[in-house]
C-alpha cells in the first residue's frame, strides 16, 4: 500500500474503493450543494475539491466509470488523464457527454476512477538507425489487417 496525502476542499470526499479487488477508487464531484449540466455533445471540468501529494515515481491516472459510459454515454475526455507527482492544484475531471441528452452531475456523484501507477522516466537517445521488426513502419491499424 502506498500513501497519497490529501487535502479536502469544501464538500470533497476521500476517494474510495468499492470492493476488495478494485484497482480504481471512485472520485466524486464537489459542487458545494449545486449541480452542473453537461449539454449533449458537450464537455465540462468537474471539480473534486481534492489536492494530492503523490509520491515521486508515481502518477494517478483518471479513468472513466463504466456505468456512466454504458448508461449515459458520459466518459472522461482525456482518458487516461495523468496527475503528476509534482502537481498540487485541485484535481478536476474533464467529462464529455456523448449522448443526445443533457447530463446532470450532482454534488457527491461518483464521476471517475483514480488508479495509482508506478512510472519510469525514459532517457531518449537519438540514433540514425532503429532495429528492424516484422511490423516495421506499417502504420496505424497495420497489425489488424490479417484474417
Protein backbone atom coordinates (compact mmCIF):
# COMPACT_ATOMS: atom_id res chain seq x y z
CA UNK A 1 0.00 0.00 0.00
CA UNK A 2 1.35 3.43 -0.97
CA UNK A 3 0.30 6.57 0.89
CA UNK A 4 -1.12 9.52 -1.04
CA UNK A 5 -1.61 12.63 1.08
CA UNK A 6 -4.85 14.61 0.50
CA UNK A 7 -6.33 17.93 1.44
CA UNK A 8 -10.09 18.18 1.22
CA UNK A 9 -11.83 21.29 -0.01
CA UNK A 10 -15.38 22.11 0.99
CA UNK A 11 -17.67 19.17 0.21
CA UNK A 12 -14.83 16.94 -1.03
CA UNK A 13 -14.91 13.22 -0.30
CA UNK A 14 -11.94 10.92 0.19
CA UNK A 15 -11.72 8.63 -2.88
CA UNK A 16 -12.95 5.13 -2.04
CA UNK A 17 -12.50 1.62 -3.37
CA UNK A 18 -15.87 -0.08 -3.90
CA UNK A 19 -14.64 -3.66 -3.48
CA UNK A 20 -11.67 -5.57 -2.12
CA UNK A 21 -10.31 -6.26 -5.62
CA UNK A 22 -10.88 -2.80 -7.13
CA UNK A 23 -7.88 -1.33 -8.95
CA UNK A 24 -9.54 2.07 -9.19
CA UNK A 25 -11.09 4.15 -6.44
CA UNK A 26 -14.09 6.32 -7.15
CA UNK A 27 -13.74 10.09 -7.03
CA UNK A 28 -16.73 12.36 -6.52
CA UNK A 29 -17.88 15.77 -7.71
CA UNK A 30 -17.52 18.59 -5.17
CA UNK A 31 -20.10 21.15 -6.26
CA UNK A 32 -20.95 22.90 -2.97
CA UNK A 33 -24.50 21.55 -2.98
CA UNK A 34 -25.15 22.56 -6.58
CA UNK A 35 -25.32 20.66 -9.85
CA UNK A 36 -23.77 21.10 -13.29
CA UNK A 37 -25.32 20.27 -16.62
CA UNK A 38 -23.15 18.83 -19.36
CA UNK A 39 -25.03 19.54 -22.58
CA UNK A 40 -25.47 16.82 -25.19
CA UNK A 41 -22.17 16.62 -27.06
CA UNK A 42 -20.52 18.99 -24.57
CA UNK A 43 -17.69 18.87 -22.07
CA UNK A 44 -17.26 20.20 -18.56
CA UNK A 45 -14.47 20.35 -15.97
CA UNK A 46 -15.88 18.87 -12.77
CA UNK A 47 -14.17 19.92 -9.51
CA UNK A 48 -13.38 17.28 -6.89
CA UNK A 49 -12.14 19.51 -4.08
CA UNK A 50 -9.07 17.28 -3.76
CA UNK A 51 -5.43 18.29 -3.72
CA UNK A 52 -2.90 15.48 -3.60
CA UNK A 53 0.70 14.78 -2.75
CA UNK A 54 1.57 11.78 -4.89
CA UNK A 55 4.90 10.09 -4.13
CA UNK A 56 7.71 10.66 -6.62
CA UNK A 57 7.88 7.80 -9.12
CA UNK A 58 4.08 7.50 -9.28
CA UNK A 59 1.20 9.10 -11.12
CA UNK A 60 -2.53 8.87 -10.61
CA UNK A 61 -4.50 8.05 -13.74
CA UNK A 62 -8.03 9.40 -14.10
CA UNK A 63 -10.24 6.85 -15.84
CA UNK A 64 -13.92 6.59 -16.76
CA UNK A 65 -16.54 4.80 -14.71
CA UNK A 66 -18.03 2.04 -16.84
CA UNK A 67 -21.56 2.60 -15.51
CA UNK A 68 -21.58 6.25 -16.62
CA UNK A 69 -20.26 5.27 -20.02
CA UNK A 70 -22.76 2.44 -20.57
CA UNK A 71 -25.88 4.04 -19.10
CA UNK A 72 -25.36 7.69 -20.04
CA UNK A 73 -22.59 7.84 -22.71
CA UNK A 74 -20.56 10.04 -20.36
CA UNK A 75 -16.82 9.42 -20.09
CA UNK A 76 -13.51 11.07 -19.22
CA UNK A 77 -12.39 13.09 -22.24
CA UNK A 78 -8.61 12.76 -21.87
CA UNK A 79 -8.58 9.19 -20.71
CA UNK A 80 -6.46 8.23 -19.03
CA UNK A 81 -5.72 11.63 -17.58
CA UNK A 82 -2.50 11.92 -15.62
CA UNK A 83 -1.98 13.64 -12.29
CA UNK A 84 1.78 14.11 -11.90
CA UNK A 85 3.59 13.72 -8.59
CA UNK A 86 4.59 17.41 -8.54
CA UNK A 87 1.07 18.79 -9.17
CA UNK A 88 -0.53 20.35 -6.09
CA UNK A 89 -3.59 22.08 -7.53
CA UNK A 90 -7.17 20.90 -7.28
CA UNK A 91 -7.95 17.73 -9.21
CA UNK A 92 -10.59 18.27 -11.87
CA UNK A 93 -12.17 15.68 -14.13
CA UNK A 94 -13.00 16.55 -17.75
CA UNK A 95 -16.22 14.76 -18.65
CA UNK A 96 -17.70 14.55 -22.13
CA UNK A 97 -21.33 13.77 -22.83
CA UNK A 98 -21.55 11.68 -25.99
CA UNK A 99 -25.32 11.29 -25.68
CA UNK A 100 -28.10 13.28 -27.35
CA UNK A 101 -29.48 14.41 -23.97
CA UNK A 102 -28.10 16.76 -21.33
CA UNK A 103 -26.47 15.04 -18.36
CA UNK A 104 -26.71 16.42 -14.83
CA UNK A 105 -23.81 16.00 -12.39
CA UNK A 106 -24.91 16.39 -8.78
CA UNK A 107 -22.79 17.22 -5.77
CA UNK A 108 -21.23 13.99 -4.46
CA UNK A 109 -21.82 11.95 -7.65
CA UNK A 110 -19.05 9.45 -8.38
CA UNK A 111 -17.66 10.74 -11.67
CA UNK A 112 -14.42 8.85 -12.40
CA UNK A 113 -11.89 6.35 -11.07
CA UNK A 114 -8.37 7.06 -9.86
CA UNK A 115 -5.63 4.46 -10.31
CA UNK A 116 -2.21 4.86 -8.68
CA UNK A 117 0.52 3.72 -11.11
CA UNK A 118 4.28 3.41 -10.86
CA UNK A 119 6.07 5.27 -13.63
CA UNK A 120 9.54 5.13 -15.04
CA UNK A 121 11.06 8.06 -16.88
CA UNK A 122 12.67 7.44 -20.24
CA UNK A 123 16.08 8.53 -21.39
CA UNK A 124 15.66 9.48 -25.06
CA UNK A 125 18.70 8.73 -27.23
CA UNK A 126 18.93 9.88 -30.82
CA UNK A 127 20.24 7.50 -33.45
CA UNK A 128 20.42 7.19 -37.23
CA UNK A 129 19.02 3.67 -37.34
CA UNK A 130 16.46 1.54 -35.47
CA UNK A 131 16.30 -2.27 -35.31
CA UNK A 132 14.07 -3.90 -37.95
CA UNK A 133 10.91 -5.74 -36.85
CA UNK A 134 8.27 -7.84 -38.63
CA UNK A 135 5.79 -4.96 -38.32
CA UNK A 136 8.25 -2.32 -39.39
CA UNK A 137 6.63 1.06 -40.10
CA UNK A 138 3.25 -0.39 -41.11
CA UNK A 139 1.36 2.48 -39.53
CA UNK A 140 -1.92 2.72 -37.65
CA UNK A 141 -4.02 -0.43 -37.88
CA UNK A 142 -1.30 -2.38 -39.64
CA UNK A 143 -1.49 -5.31 -37.20
CA UNK A 144 -5.27 -5.72 -37.58
CA UNK A 145 -5.37 -6.48 -41.32
CA UNK A 146 -4.84 -10.26 -41.16
CA UNK A 147 -7.74 -12.71 -41.41
